[in-house]
Amino acid sequence: MKLFDFSSSTLRALMSGAVALAMSSTAFAHAHLISSVPAANADAVGPADVTIHFTEPLEPAFSRITLAGASGKPATTSTSTVDSSDARVMRLALPQLTSGRYAVHWVAVATDGHRTQGDFAFNVK
C-alpha cells in the first residue's frame, strides 16, 4: 500500500520548489551583529573607535553607528564608515572619552536592502 502516489513530474516540481525556497532564504539575508570592540558591557580604557562586525556586507550610504553618553546626548560628531576592504565591518572613530557609560546604537542595511538595528553599552574606565 502506497501512502503517496507522486508522478515523476510532481516530484520534480516539489523538489524544485524546495530548492527555490532554500535559495531565496539565503538571498534575503539580514546583516546581524557578530561582534563589537568594545564588546557589550565591557570595561574599556581609552577606546579609539567602536568597531562592529556583521554577518553580511553593508550598504555604506544607509548604515551607521552613533554613540551617546550617560545623559543621552551625542558623545561624538564623527560619522561612522564601512570598511572599504571588508564591507561587513563598520567603525566609528571616537574622541578621548571621559569615564562613564556609553550607549552605542547601530543601523545596518545589507546590500540586499534589508535593515537591522541594535543597541549595546560599554563603560570607559
PDB file of N, CA and C in Angstrom:
ATOM      1  N   MET A   1       0.834  -1.182   0.000  1.00  0.00           N
ATOM      2  CA  MET A   1       0.000   0.000   0.000  1.00  0.00           C
ATOM      3  C   MET A   1       0.880   1.247   0.000  1.00  0.00           C
ATOM      4  N   LYS A   2       0.657   2.153  -0.951  1.00  0.00           N
ATOM      5  CA  LYS A   2       1.409   3.400  -1.031  1.00  0.00           C
ATOM      6  C   LYS A   2       0.663   4.505  -0.305  1.00  0.00           C
ATOM      7  N   LEU A   3       1.413   5.287   0.501  1.00  0.00           N
ATOM      8  CA  LEU A   3       0.803   6.451   1.158  1.00  0.00           C
ATOM      9  C   LEU A   3       0.641   7.599   0.183  1.00  0.00           C
ATOM     10  N   PHE A   4       1.638   7.800  -0.653  1.00  0.00           N
ATOM     11  CA  PHE A   4       1.608   8.879  -1.632  1.00  0.00           C
ATOM     12  C   PHE A   4       1.921   8.294  -2.994  1.00  0.00           C
ATOM     13  N   ASP A   5       1.227   8.758  -3.990  1.00  0.00           N
ATOM     14  CA  ASP A   5       1.470   8.282  -5.344  1.00  0.00           C
ATOM     15  C   ASP A   5       1.816   9.492  -6.213  1.00  0.00           C
ATOM     16  N   PHE A   6       3.090   9.895  -6.147  1.00  0.00           N
ATOM     17  CA  PHE A   6       3.538  11.052  -6.910  1.00  0.00           C
ATOM     18  C   PHE A   6       4.089  10.610  -8.250  1.00  0.00           C
ATOM     19  N   SER A   7       3.729  11.347  -9.285  1.00  0.00           N
ATOM     20  CA  SER A   7       4.353  11.108 -10.579  1.00  0.00           C
ATOM     21  C   SER A   7       5.737  11.737 -10.557  1.00  0.00           C
ATOM     22  N   SER A   8       6.577  11.354 -11.483  1.00  0.00           N
ATOM     23  CA  SER A   8       7.927  11.917 -11.514  1.00  0.00           C
ATOM     24  C   SER A   8       7.888  13.419 -11.774  1.00  0.00           C
ATOM     25  N   SER A   9       6.959  13.923 -12.537  1.00  0.00           N
ATOM     26  CA  SER A   9       6.875  15.367 -12.790  1.00  0.00           C
ATOM     27  C   SER A   9       6.423  16.108 -11.530  1.00  0.00           C
ATOM     28  N   THR A  10       5.538  15.523 -10.737  1.00  0.00           N
ATOM     29  CA  THR A  10       5.113  16.144  -9.478  1.00  0.00           C
ATOM     30  C   THR A  10       6.279  16.171  -8.492  1.00  0.00           C
ATOM     31  N   LEU A  11       6.998  15.075  -8.432  1.00  0.00           N
ATOM     32  CA  LEU A  11       8.150  15.003  -7.541  1.00  0.00           C
ATOM     33  C   LEU A  11       9.214  16.025  -7.935  1.00  0.00           C
ATOM     34  N   ARG A  12       9.472  16.166  -9.232  1.00  0.00           N
ATOM     35  CA  ARG A  12      10.433  17.178  -9.704  1.00  0.00           C
ATOM     36  C   ARG A  12       9.963  18.584  -9.334  1.00  0.00           C
ATOM     37  N   ALA A  13       8.685  18.856  -9.484  1.00  0.00           N
ATOM     38  CA  ALA A  13       8.149  20.178  -9.146  1.00  0.00           C
ATOM     39  C   ALA A  13       8.305  20.460  -7.655  1.00  0.00           C
ATOM     40  N   LEU A  14       8.022  19.460  -6.824  1.00  0.00           N
ATOM     41  CA  LEU A  14       8.193  19.636  -5.373  1.00  0.00           C
ATOM     42  C   LEU A  14       9.646  19.878  -5.011  1.00  0.00           C
ATOM     43  N   MET A  15      10.552  19.145  -5.608  1.00  0.00           N
ATOM     44  CA  MET A  15      11.981  19.319  -5.338  1.00  0.00           C
ATOM     45  C   MET A  15      12.458  20.683  -5.814  1.00  0.00           C
ATOM     46  N   SER A  16      12.003  21.118  -6.975  1.00  0.00           N
ATOM     47  CA  SER A  16      12.378  22.444  -7.491  1.00  0.00           C
ATOM     48  C   SER A  16      11.888  23.529  -6.555  1.00  0.00           C
ATOM     49  N   GLY A  17      10.680  23.379  -6.049  1.00  0.00           N
ATOM     50  CA  GLY A  17      10.142  24.354  -5.099  1.00  0.00           C
ATOM     51  C   GLY A  17      10.945  24.403  -3.815  1.00  0.00           C
ATOM     52  N   ALA A  18      11.341  23.229  -3.333  1.00  0.00           N
ATOM     53  CA  ALA A  18      12.146  23.176  -2.110  1.00  0.00           C
ATOM     54  C   ALA A  18      13.503  23.841  -2.311  1.00  0.00           C
ATOM     55  N   VAL A  19      14.127  23.603  -3.445  1.00  0.00           N
ATOM     56  CA  VAL A  19      15.419  24.226  -3.754  1.00  0.00           C
ATOM     57  C   VAL A  19      15.254  25.739  -3.874  1.00  0.00           C
ATOM     58  N   ALA A  20      14.212  26.193  -4.541  1.00  0.00           N
ATOM     59  CA  ALA A  20      13.978  27.636  -4.689  1.00  0.00           C
ATOM     60  C   ALA A  20      13.745  28.290  -3.339  1.00  0.00           C
ATOM     61  N   LEU A  21      12.998  27.641  -2.474  1.00  0.00           N
ATOM     62  CA  LEU A  21      12.755  28.179  -1.139  1.00  0.00           C
ATOM     63  C   LEU A  21      14.045  28.279  -0.340  1.00  0.00           C
ATOM     64  N   ALA A  22      14.866  27.259  -0.406  1.00  0.00           N
ATOM     65  CA  ALA A  22      16.144  27.276   0.310  1.00  0.00           C
ATOM     66  C   ALA A  22      17.056  28.377  -0.215  1.00  0.00           C
ATOM     67  N   MET A  23      17.091  28.554  -1.525  1.00  0.00           N
ATOM     68  CA  MET A  23      17.953  29.583  -2.107  1.00  0.00           C
ATOM     69  C   MET A  23      17.430  30.976  -1.802  1.00  0.00           C
ATOM     70  N   SER A  24      16.125  31.174  -1.780  1.00  0.00           N
ATOM     71  CA  SER A  24      15.585  32.507  -1.518  1.00  0.00           C
ATOM     72  C   SER A  24      15.828  32.930  -0.083  1.00  0.00           C
ATOM     73  N   SER A  25      15.847  31.984   0.853  1.00  0.00           N
ATOM     74  CA  SER A  25      16.095  32.360   2.237  1.00  0.00           C
ATOM     75  C   SER A  25      17.520  32.855   2.425  1.00  0.00           C
ATOM     76  N   THR A  26      18.478  32.347   1.655  1.00  0.00           N
ATOM     77  CA  THR A  26      19.841  32.856   1.762  1.00  0.00           C
ATOM     78  C   THR A  26      20.004  34.147   0.978  1.00  0.00           C
ATOM     79  N   ALA A  27      19.210  34.352  -0.056  1.00  0.00           N
ATOM     80  CA  ALA A  27      19.312  35.576  -0.843  1.00  0.00           C
ATOM     81  C   ALA A  27      18.784  36.773  -0.071  1.00  0.00           C
ATOM     82  N   PHE A  28      17.887  36.540   0.870  1.00  0.00           N
ATOM     83  CA  PHE A  28      17.303  37.630   1.631  1.00  0.00           C
ATOM     84  C   PHE A  28      17.889  37.669   3.035  1.00  0.00           C
ATOM     85  N   ALA A  29      19.200  37.641   3.119  1.00  0.00           N
ATOM     86  CA  ALA A  29      19.882  37.643   4.403  1.00  0.00           C
ATOM     87  C   ALA A  29      19.869  39.037   5.018  1.00  0.00           C
ATOM     88  N   HIS A  30      19.888  39.070   6.326  1.00  0.00           N
ATOM     89  CA  HIS A  30      19.969  40.316   7.067  1.00  0.00           C
ATOM     90  C   HIS A  30      21.357  40.417   7.684  1.00  0.00           C
ATOM     91  N   ALA A  31      21.844  41.625   7.842  1.00  0.00           N
ATOM     92  CA  ALA A  31      23.147  41.838   8.471  1.00  0.00           C
ATOM     93  C   ALA A  31      22.961  41.862   9.983  1.00  0.00           C
ATOM     94  N   HIS A  32      23.463  40.835  10.650  1.00  0.00           N
ATOM     95  CA  HIS A  32      23.368  40.742  12.102  1.00  0.00           C
ATOM     96  C   HIS A  32      24.739  40.953  12.717  1.00  0.00           C
ATOM     97  N   LEU A  33      24.758  41.552  13.899  1.00  0.00           N
ATOM     98  CA  LEU A  33      25.994  41.799  14.622  1.00  0.00           C
ATOM     99  C   LEU A  33      26.634  40.470  15.027  1.00  0.00           C
ATOM    100  N   ILE A  34      27.911  40.326  14.704  1.00  0.00           N
ATOM    101  CA  ILE A  34      28.682  39.157  15.138  1.00  0.00           C
ATOM    102  C   ILE A  34      29.458  39.505  16.401  1.00  0.00           C
ATOM    103  N   SER A  35      30.169  40.635  16.358  1.00  0.00           N
ATOM    104  CA  SER A  35      30.980  41.046  17.496  1.00  0.00           C
ATOM    105  C   SER A  35      31.223  42.543  17.431  1.00  0.00           C
ATOM    106  N   SER A  36      31.662  43.077  18.555  1.00  0.00           N
ATOM    107  CA  SER A  36      31.997  44.506  18.606  1.00  0.00           C
ATOM    108  C   SER A  36      33.186  44.717  19.519  1.00  0.00           C
ATOM    109  N   VAL A  37      33.904  45.802  19.247  1.00  0.00           N
ATOM    110  CA  VAL A  37      35.010  46.253  20.104  1.00  0.00           C
ATOM    111  C   VAL A  37      34.799  47.747  20.315  1.00  0.00           C
ATOM    112  N   PRO A  38      34.573  48.182  21.549  1.00  0.00           N
ATOM    113  CA  PRO A  38      34.418  47.403  22.766  1.00  0.00           C
ATOM    114  C   PRO A  38      33.176  46.500  22.694  1.00  0.00           C
ATOM    115  N   ALA A  39      33.229  45.413  23.439  1.00  0.00           N
ATOM    116  CA  ALA A  39      32.104  44.480  23.487  1.00  0.00           C
ATOM    117  C   ALA A  39      31.004  45.041  24.379  1.00  0.00           C
ATOM    118  N   ALA A  40      29.817  44.512  24.220  1.00  0.00           N
ATOM    119  CA  ALA A  40      28.693  44.928  25.062  1.00  0.00           C
ATOM    120  C   ALA A  40      29.039  44.723  26.533  1.00  0.00           C
ATOM    121  N   ASN A  41      28.775  45.748  27.323  1.00  0.00           N
ATOM    122  CA  ASN A  41      29.000  45.758  28.774  1.00  0.00           C
ATOM    123  C   ASN A  41      30.460  45.617  29.190  1.00  0.00           C
ATOM    124  N   ALA A  42      31.374  45.822  28.259  1.00  0.00           N
ATOM    125  CA  ALA A  42      32.804  45.728  28.577  1.00  0.00           C
ATOM    126  C   ALA A  42      33.278  46.991  29.293  1.00  0.00           C
ATOM    127  N   ASP A  43      34.364  46.845  30.017  1.00  0.00           N
ATOM    128  CA  ASP A  43      35.068  47.983  30.595  1.00  0.00           C
ATOM    129  C   ASP A  43      36.238  48.278  29.670  1.00  0.00           C
ATOM    130  N   ALA A  44      36.236  49.457  29.073  1.00  0.00           N
ATOM    131  CA  ALA A  44      37.267  49.828  28.099  1.00  0.00           C
ATOM    132  C   ALA A  44      38.109  50.964  28.657  1.00  0.00           C
ATOM    133  N   VAL A  45      39.361  50.996  28.237  1.00  0.00           N
ATOM    134  CA  VAL A  45      40.272  52.070  28.627  1.00  0.00           C
ATOM    135  C   VAL A  45      40.661  52.816  27.363  1.00  0.00           C
ATOM    136  N   GLY A  46      40.166  54.021  27.207  1.00  0.00           N
ATOM    137  CA  GLY A  46      40.531  54.875  26.078  1.00  0.00           C
ATOM    138  C   GLY A  46      40.315  54.273  24.703  1.00  0.00           C
ATOM    139  N   PRO A  47      39.126  53.742  24.398  1.00  0.00           N
ATOM    140  CA  PRO A  47      38.934  53.171  23.054  1.00  0.00           C
ATOM    141  C   PRO A  47      39.067  54.243  21.975  1.00  0.00           C
ATOM    142  N   ALA A  48      39.748  53.913  20.894  1.00  0.00           N
ATOM    143  CA  ALA A  48      39.935  54.853  19.782  1.00  0.00           C
ATOM    144  C   ALA A  48      38.742  54.847  18.826  1.00  0.00           C
ATOM    145  N   ASP A  49      38.017  53.722  18.817  1.00  0.00           N
ATOM    146  CA  ASP A  49      36.845  53.631  17.946  1.00  0.00           C
ATOM    147  C   ASP A  49      35.922  52.525  18.432  1.00  0.00           C
ATOM    148  N   VAL A  50      34.722  52.513  17.877  1.00  0.00           N
ATOM    149  CA  VAL A  50      33.793  51.399  18.036  1.00  0.00           C
ATOM    150  C   VAL A  50      33.834  50.662  16.704  1.00  0.00           C
ATOM    151  N   THR A  51      34.101  49.370  16.739  1.00  0.00           N
ATOM    152  CA  THR A  51      34.151  48.548  15.530  1.00  0.00           C
ATOM    153  C   THR A  51      33.138  47.430  15.677  1.00  0.00           C
ATOM    154  N   ILE A  52      32.277  47.278  14.669  1.00  0.00           N
ATOM    155  CA  ILE A  52      31.258  46.234  14.696  1.00  0.00           C
ATOM    156  C   ILE A  52      31.419  45.354  13.461  1.00  0.00           C
ATOM    157  N   HIS A  53      31.390  44.046  13.677  1.00  0.00           N
ATOM    158  CA  HIS A  53      31.469  43.057  12.599  1.00  0.00           C
ATOM    159  C   HIS A  53      30.076  42.472  12.377  1.00  0.00           C
ATOM    160  N   PHE A  54      29.664  42.390  11.114  1.00  0.00           N
ATOM    161  CA  PHE A  54      28.343  41.898  10.750  1.00  0.00           C
ATOM    162  C   PHE A  54      28.442  40.634   9.898  1.00  0.00           C
ATOM    163  N   THR A  55      27.317  39.940   9.766  1.00  0.00           N
ATOM    164  CA  THR A  55      27.263  38.693   9.007  1.00  0.00           C
ATOM    165  C   THR A  55      27.205  38.912   7.507  1.00  0.00           C
ATOM    166  N   GLU A  56      26.793  40.094   7.065  1.00  0.00           N
ATOM    167  CA  GLU A  56      26.604  40.376   5.639  1.00  0.00           C
ATOM    168  C   GLU A  56      27.271  41.705   5.281  1.00  0.00           C
ATOM    169  N   PRO A  57      27.613  41.903   4.018  1.00  0.00           N
ATOM    170  CA  PRO A  57      28.135  43.199   3.574  1.00  0.00           C
ATOM    171  C   PRO A  57      27.085  44.290   3.748  1.00  0.00           C
ATOM    172  N   LEU A  58      27.548  45.482   4.090  1.00  0.00           N
ATOM    173  CA  LEU A  58      26.666  46.614   4.358  1.00  0.00           C
ATOM    174  C   LEU A  58      26.633  47.607   3.205  1.00  0.00           C
ATOM    175  N   GLU A  59      25.539  48.314   3.109  1.00  0.00           N
ATOM    176  CA  GLU A  59      25.389  49.423   2.178  1.00  0.00           C
ATOM    177  C   GLU A  59      25.839  50.680   2.934  1.00  0.00           C
ATOM    178  N   PRO A  60      27.005  51.247   2.600  1.00  0.00           N
ATOM    179  CA  PRO A  60      27.563  52.368   3.374  1.00  0.00           C
ATOM    180  C   PRO A  60      26.648  53.585   3.481  1.00  0.00           C
ATOM    181  N   ALA A  61      25.895  53.885   2.455  1.00  0.00           N
ATOM    182  CA  ALA A  61      25.055  55.096   2.467  1.00  0.00           C
ATOM    183  C   ALA A  61      23.949  55.034   3.507  1.00  0.00           C
ATOM    184  N   PHE A  62      23.568  53.832   3.943  1.00  0.00           N
ATOM    185  CA  PHE A  62      22.413  53.706   4.832  1.00  0.00           C
ATOM    186  C   PHE A  62      22.745  53.076   6.180  1.00  0.00           C
ATOM    187  N   SER A  63      23.991  52.724   6.413  1.00  0.00           N
ATOM    188  CA  SER A  63      24.402  52.084   7.659  1.00  0.00           C
ATOM    189  C   SER A  63      25.141  53.091   8.523  1.00  0.00           C
ATOM    190  N   ARG A  64      24.945  52.998   9.850  1.00  0.00           N
ATOM    191  CA  ARG A  64      25.600  53.976  10.723  1.00  0.00           C
ATOM    192  C   ARG A  64      25.706  53.471  12.158  1.00  0.00           C
ATOM    193  N   ILE A  65      26.644  54.076  12.864  1.00  0.00           N
ATOM    194  CA  ILE A  65      26.809  53.877  14.306  1.00  0.00           C
ATOM    195  C   ILE A  65      26.732  55.248  14.953  1.00  0.00           C
ATOM    196  N   THR A  66      26.009  55.350  16.057  1.00  0.00           N
ATOM    197  CA  THR A  66      26.011  56.581  16.848  1.00  0.00           C
ATOM    198  C   THR A  66      26.375  56.223  18.288  1.00  0.00           C
ATOM    199  N   LEU A  67      26.899  57.204  19.006  1.00  0.00           N
ATOM    200  CA  LEU A  67      27.325  56.997  20.390  1.00  0.00           C
ATOM    201  C   LEU A  67      26.761  58.117  21.248  1.00  0.00           C
ATOM    202  N   ALA A  68      26.156  57.733  22.374  1.00  0.00           N
ATOM    203  CA  ALA A  68      25.618  58.710  23.311  1.00  0.00           C
ATOM    204  C   ALA A  68      26.221  58.472  24.690  1.00  0.00           C
ATOM    205  N   GLY A  69      26.386  59.551  25.431  1.00  0.00           N
ATOM    206  CA  GLY A  69      26.864  59.455  26.800  1.00  0.00           C
ATOM    207  C   GLY A  69      25.722  59.127  27.744  1.00  0.00           C
ATOM    208  N   ALA A  70      26.019  59.078  29.036  1.00  0.00           N
ATOM    209  CA  ALA A  70      25.017  58.730  30.042  1.00  0.00           C
ATOM    210  C   ALA A  70      23.831  59.698  30.036  1.00  0.00           C
ATOM    211  N   SER A  71      24.063  60.930  29.616  1.00  0.00           N
ATOM    212  CA  SER A  71      22.986  61.923  29.571  1.00  0.00           C
ATOM    213  C   SER A  71      22.057  61.716  28.375  1.00  0.00           C
ATOM    214  N   GLY A  72      22.480  60.870  27.445  1.00  0.00           N
ATOM    215  CA  GLY A  72      21.692  60.650  26.234  1.00  0.00           C
ATOM    216  C   GLY A  72      22.099  61.558  25.088  1.00  0.00           C
ATOM    217  N   LYS A  73      23.005  62.492  25.366  1.00  0.00           N
ATOM    218  CA  LYS A  73      23.479  63.398  24.316  1.00  0.00           C
ATOM    219  C   LYS A  73      24.577  62.733  23.491  1.00  0.00           C
ATOM    220  N   PRO A  74      24.697  63.100  22.201  1.00  0.00           N
ATOM    221  CA  PRO A  74      25.758  62.529  21.366  1.00  0.00           C
ATOM    222  C   PRO A  74      27.135  62.737  22.003  1.00  0.00           C
ATOM    223  N   ALA A  75      27.969  61.699  21.951  1.00  0.00           N
ATOM    224  CA  ALA A  75      29.306  61.758  22.534  1.00  0.00           C
ATOM    225  C   ALA A  75      30.371  62.005  21.481  1.00  0.00           C
ATOM    226  N   THR A  76      29.990  62.088  20.213  1.00  0.00           N
ATOM    227  CA  THR A  76      30.938  62.353  19.140  1.00  0.00           C
ATOM    228  C   THR A  76      30.210  62.994  17.968  1.00  0.00           C
ATOM    229  N   THR A  77      30.950  63.751  17.194  1.00  0.00           N
ATOM    230  CA  THR A  77      30.391  64.325  15.965  1.00  0.00           C
ATOM    231  C   THR A  77      30.891  63.562  14.741  1.00  0.00           C
ATOM    232  N   SER A  78      31.690  62.520  14.978  1.00  0.00           N
ATOM    233  CA  SER A  78      32.228  61.707  13.883  1.00  0.00           C
ATOM    234  C   SER A  78      31.109  60.949  13.166  1.00  0.00           C
ATOM    235  N   THR A  79      31.361  60.658  11.906  1.00  0.00           N
ATOM    236  CA  THR A  79      30.450  59.847  11.110  1.00  0.00           C
ATOM    237  C   THR A  79      31.061  58.461  10.957  1.00  0.00           C
ATOM    238  N   SER A  80      30.249  57.448  11.151  1.00  0.00           N
ATOM    239  CA  SER A  80      30.761  56.084  11.008  1.00  0.00           C
ATOM    240  C   SER A  80      31.035  55.767   9.545  1.00  0.00           C
ATOM    241  N   THR A  81      31.890  54.767   9.329  1.00  0.00           N
ATOM    242  CA  THR A  81      32.251  54.354   7.973  1.00  0.00           C
ATOM    243  C   THR A  81      32.204  52.838   7.866  1.00  0.00           C
ATOM    244  N   VAL A  82      31.924  52.379   6.667  1.00  0.00           N
ATOM    245  CA  VAL A  82      32.004  50.957   6.363  1.00  0.00           C
ATOM    246  C   VAL A  82      33.381  50.723   5.758  1.00  0.00           C
ATOM    247  N   ASP A  83      34.069  49.704   6.249  1.00  0.00           N
ATOM    248  CA  ASP A  83      35.430  49.390   5.811  1.00  0.00           C
ATOM    249  C   ASP A  83      35.451  49.100   4.308  1.00  0.00           C
ATOM    250  N   SER A  84      36.307  49.788   3.570  1.00  0.00           N
ATOM    251  CA  SER A  84      36.364  49.619   2.114  1.00  0.00           C
ATOM    252  C   SER A  84      36.939  48.263   1.704  1.00  0.00           C
ATOM    253  N   SER A  85      37.703  47.612   2.580  1.00  0.00           N
ATOM    254  CA  SER A  85      38.265  46.306   2.238  1.00  0.00           C
ATOM    255  C   SER A  85      37.409  45.141   2.752  1.00  0.00           C
ATOM    256  N   ASP A  86      36.484  45.415   3.666  1.00  0.00           N
ATOM    257  CA  ASP A  86      35.569  44.389   4.168  1.00  0.00           C
ATOM    258  C   ASP A  86      34.259  45.069   4.541  1.00  0.00           C
ATOM    259  N   ALA A  87      33.284  45.009   3.655  1.00  0.00           N
ATOM    260  CA  ALA A  87      32.013  45.715   3.835  1.00  0.00           C
ATOM    261  C   ALA A  87      31.156  45.121   4.953  1.00  0.00           C
ATOM    262  N   ARG A  88      31.668  44.116   5.641  1.00  0.00           N
ATOM    263  CA  ARG A  88      30.949  43.568   6.802  1.00  0.00           C
ATOM    264  C   ARG A  88      31.408  44.238   8.103  1.00  0.00           C
ATOM    265  N   VAL A  89      32.301  45.224   8.004  1.00  0.00           N
ATOM    266  CA  VAL A  89      32.846  45.898   9.184  1.00  0.00           C
ATOM    267  C   VAL A  89      32.519  47.388   9.116  1.00  0.00           C
ATOM    268  N   MET A  90      31.997  47.908  10.241  1.00  0.00           N
ATOM    269  CA  MET A  90      31.685  49.333  10.328  1.00  0.00           C
ATOM    270  C   MET A  90      32.385  49.898  11.562  1.00  0.00           C
ATOM    271  N   ARG A  91      32.889  51.141  11.424  1.00  0.00           N
ATOM    272  CA  ARG A  91      33.642  51.786  12.513  1.00  0.00           C
ATOM    273  C   ARG A  91      33.140  53.198  12.771  1.00  0.00           C
ATOM    274  N   LEU A  92      33.272  53.601  14.042  1.00  0.00           N
ATOM    275  CA  LEU A  92      33.013  54.975  14.439  1.00  0.00           C
ATOM    276  C   LEU A  92      34.230  55.447  15.224  1.00  0.00           C
ATOM    277  N   ALA A  93      34.954  56.428  14.671  1.00  0.00           N
ATOM    278  CA  ALA A  93      36.115  56.991  15.379  1.00  0.00           C
ATOM    279  C   ALA A  93      35.619  57.756  16.597  1.00  0.00           C
ATOM    280  N   LEU A  94      36.362  57.645  17.691  1.00  0.00           N
ATOM    281  CA  LEU A  94      35.953  58.276  18.943  1.00  0.00           C
ATOM    282  C   LEU A  94      36.946  59.344  19.377  1.00  0.00           C
ATOM    283  N   PRO A  95      36.429  60.401  19.986  1.00  0.00           N
ATOM    284  CA  PRO A  95      37.328  61.357  20.630  1.00  0.00           C
ATOM    285  C   PRO A  95      37.801  60.749  21.954  1.00  0.00           C
ATOM    286  N   GLN A  96      38.628  61.450  22.679  1.00  0.00           N
ATOM    287  CA  GLN A  96      39.022  60.995  24.019  1.00  0.00           C
ATOM    288  C   GLN A  96      37.770  61.029  24.886  1.00  0.00           C
ATOM    289  N   LEU A  97      37.330  59.855  25.351  1.00  0.00           N
ATOM    290  CA  LEU A  97      36.116  59.773  26.161  1.00  0.00           C
ATOM    291  C   LEU A  97      36.459  59.849  27.643  1.00  0.00           C
ATOM    292  N   THR A  98      35.619  60.535  28.395  1.00  0.00           N
ATOM    293  CA  THR A  98      35.780  60.579  29.846  1.00  0.00           C
ATOM    294  C   THR A  98      35.175  59.311  30.440  1.00  0.00           C
ATOM    295  N   SER A  99      35.475  59.067  31.698  1.00  0.00           N
ATOM    296  CA  SER A  99      34.922  57.892  32.371  1.00  0.00           C
ATOM    297  C   SER A  99      33.404  57.957  32.367  1.00  0.00           C
ATOM    298  N   GLY A 100      32.785  56.795  32.218  1.00  0.00           N
ATOM    299  CA  GLY A 100      31.327  56.732  32.246  1.00  0.00           C
ATOM    300  C   GLY A 100      30.787  55.632  31.351  1.00  0.00           C
ATOM    301  N   ARG A 101      29.480  55.574  31.276  1.00  0.00           N
ATOM    302  CA  ARG A 101      28.802  54.563  30.457  1.00  0.00           C
ATOM    303  C   ARG A 101      28.365  55.212  29.147  1.00  0.00           C
ATOM    304  N   TYR A 102      28.570  54.491  28.052  1.00  0.00           N
ATOM    305  CA  TYR A 102      28.238  54.987  26.712  1.00  0.00           C
ATOM    306  C   TYR A 102      27.318  53.987  26.008  1.00  0.00           C
ATOM    307  N   ALA A 103      26.361  54.536  25.291  1.00  0.00           N
ATOM    308  CA  ALA A 103      25.387  53.716  24.557  1.00  0.00           C
ATOM    309  C   ALA A 103      25.672  53.791  23.064  1.00  0.00           C
ATOM    310  N   VAL A 104      25.794  52.627  22.454  1.00  0.00           N
ATOM    311  CA  VAL A 104      26.013  52.518  21.008  1.00  0.00           C
ATOM    312  C   VAL A 104      24.686  52.136  20.369  1.00  0.00           C
ATOM    313  N   HIS A 105      24.321  52.844  19.326  1.00  0.00           N
ATOM    314  CA  HIS A 105      23.158  52.468  18.510  1.00  0.00           C
ATOM    315  C   HIS A 105      23.677  52.256  17.093  1.00  0.00           C
ATOM    316  N   TRP A 106      23.284  51.146  16.471  1.00  0.00           N
ATOM    317  CA  TRP A 106      23.729  50.878  15.102  1.00  0.00           C
ATOM    318  C   TRP A 106      22.538  50.535  14.214  1.00  0.00           C
ATOM    319  N   VAL A 107      22.682  50.925  12.971  1.00  0.00           N
ATOM    320  CA  VAL A 107      21.734  50.581  11.919  1.00  0.00           C
ATOM    321  C   VAL A 107      22.567  49.968  10.807  1.00  0.00           C
ATOM    322  N   ALA A 108      22.202  48.770  10.395  1.00  0.00           N
ATOM    323  CA  ALA A 108      22.924  48.075   9.336  1.00  0.00           C
ATOM    324  C   ALA A 108      21.949  47.747   8.215  1.00  0.00           C
ATOM    325  N   VAL A 109      22.244  48.258   7.030  1.00  0.00           N
ATOM    326  CA  VAL A 109      21.440  47.931   5.856  1.00  0.00           C
ATOM    327  C   VAL A 109      22.316  47.064   4.964  1.00  0.00           C
ATOM    328  N   ALA A 110      21.883  45.818   4.794  1.00  0.00           N
ATOM    329  CA  ALA A 110      22.632  44.887   3.962  1.00  0.00           C
ATOM    330  C   ALA A 110      22.536  45.315   2.505  1.00  0.00           C
ATOM    331  N   THR A 111      23.441  44.828   1.691  1.00  0.00           N
ATOM    332  CA  THR A 111      23.452  45.207   0.278  1.00  0.00           C
ATOM    333  C   THR A 111      22.185  44.752  -0.443  1.00  0.00           C
ATOM    334  N   ASP A 112      21.435  43.799   0.151  1.00  0.00           N
ATOM    335  CA  ASP A 112      20.159  43.398  -0.444  1.00  0.00           C
ATOM    336  C   ASP A 112      19.009  44.293   0.009  1.00  0.00           C
ATOM    337  N   GLY A 113      19.316  45.314   0.846  1.00  0.00           N
ATOM    338  CA  GLY A 113      18.319  46.292   1.266  1.00  0.00           C
ATOM    339  C   GLY A 113      17.649  46.020   2.596  1.00  0.00           C
ATOM    340  N   HIS A 114      17.889  44.878   3.209  1.00  0.00           N
ATOM    341  CA  HIS A 114      17.264  44.576   4.492  1.00  0.00           C
ATOM    342  C   HIS A 114      17.961  45.330   5.621  1.00  0.00           C
ATOM    343  N   ARG A 115      17.154  45.899   6.523  1.00  0.00           N
ATOM    344  CA  ARG A 115      17.650  46.750   7.600  1.00  0.00           C
ATOM    345  C   ARG A 115      17.527  46.030   8.939  1.00  0.00           C
ATOM    346  N   THR A 116      18.589  46.104   9.734  1.00  0.00           N
ATOM    347  CA  THR A 116      18.564  45.644  11.119  1.00  0.00           C
ATOM    348  C   THR A 116      19.146  46.764  11.967  1.00  0.00           C
ATOM    349  N   GLN A 117      18.875  46.705  13.240  1.00  0.00           N
ATOM    350  CA  GLN A 117      19.421  47.715  14.148  1.00  0.00           C
ATOM    351  C   GLN A 117      19.544  47.123  15.539  1.00  0.00           C
ATOM    352  N   GLY A 118      20.329  47.783  16.366  1.00  0.00           N
ATOM    353  CA  GLY A 118      20.505  47.303  17.723  1.00  0.00           C
ATOM    354  C   GLY A 118      21.229  48.313  18.588  1.00  0.00           C
ATOM    355  N   ASP A 119      21.332  47.968  19.834  1.00  0.00           N
ATOM    356  CA  ASP A 119      21.959  48.827  20.836  1.00  0.00           C
ATOM    357  C   ASP A 119      22.789  47.970  21.780  1.00  0.00           C
ATOM    358  N   PHE A 120      23.848  48.552  22.294  1.00  0.00           N
ATOM    359  CA  PHE A 120      24.598  47.958  23.393  1.00  0.00           C
ATOM    360  C   PHE A 120      25.356  49.089  24.083  1.00  0.00           C
ATOM    361  N   ALA A 121      25.855  48.807  25.261  1.00  0.00           N
ATOM    362  CA  ALA A 121      26.572  49.825  26.021  1.00  0.00           C
ATOM    363  C   ALA A 121      27.911  49.277  26.475  1.00  0.00           C
ATOM    364  N   PHE A 122      28.818  50.199  26.770  1.00  0.00           N
ATOM    365  CA  PHE A 122      30.111  49.834  27.360  1.00  0.00           C
ATOM    366  C   PHE A 122      30.507  50.922  28.332  1.00  0.00           C
ATOM    367  N   ASN A 123      31.458  50.616  29.189  1.00  0.00           N
ATOM    368  CA  ASN A 123      31.939  51.553  30.192  1.00  0.00           C
ATOM    369  C   ASN A 123      33.371  51.960  29.888  1.00  0.00           C
ATOM    370  N   VAL A 124      33.659  53.233  30.078  1.00  0.00           N
ATOM    371  CA  VAL A 124      35.034  53.729  29.944  1.00  0.00           C
ATOM    372  C   VAL A 124      35.551  53.964  31.349  1.00  0.00           C
ATOM    373  N   LYS A 125      36.699  53.375  31.636  1.00  0.00           N
ATOM    374  CA  LYS A 125      37.330  53.492  32.961  1.00  0.00           C
ATOM    375  C   LYS A 125      38.374  54.574  32.951  1.00  0.00           C
TER     376      LYS A 125
END
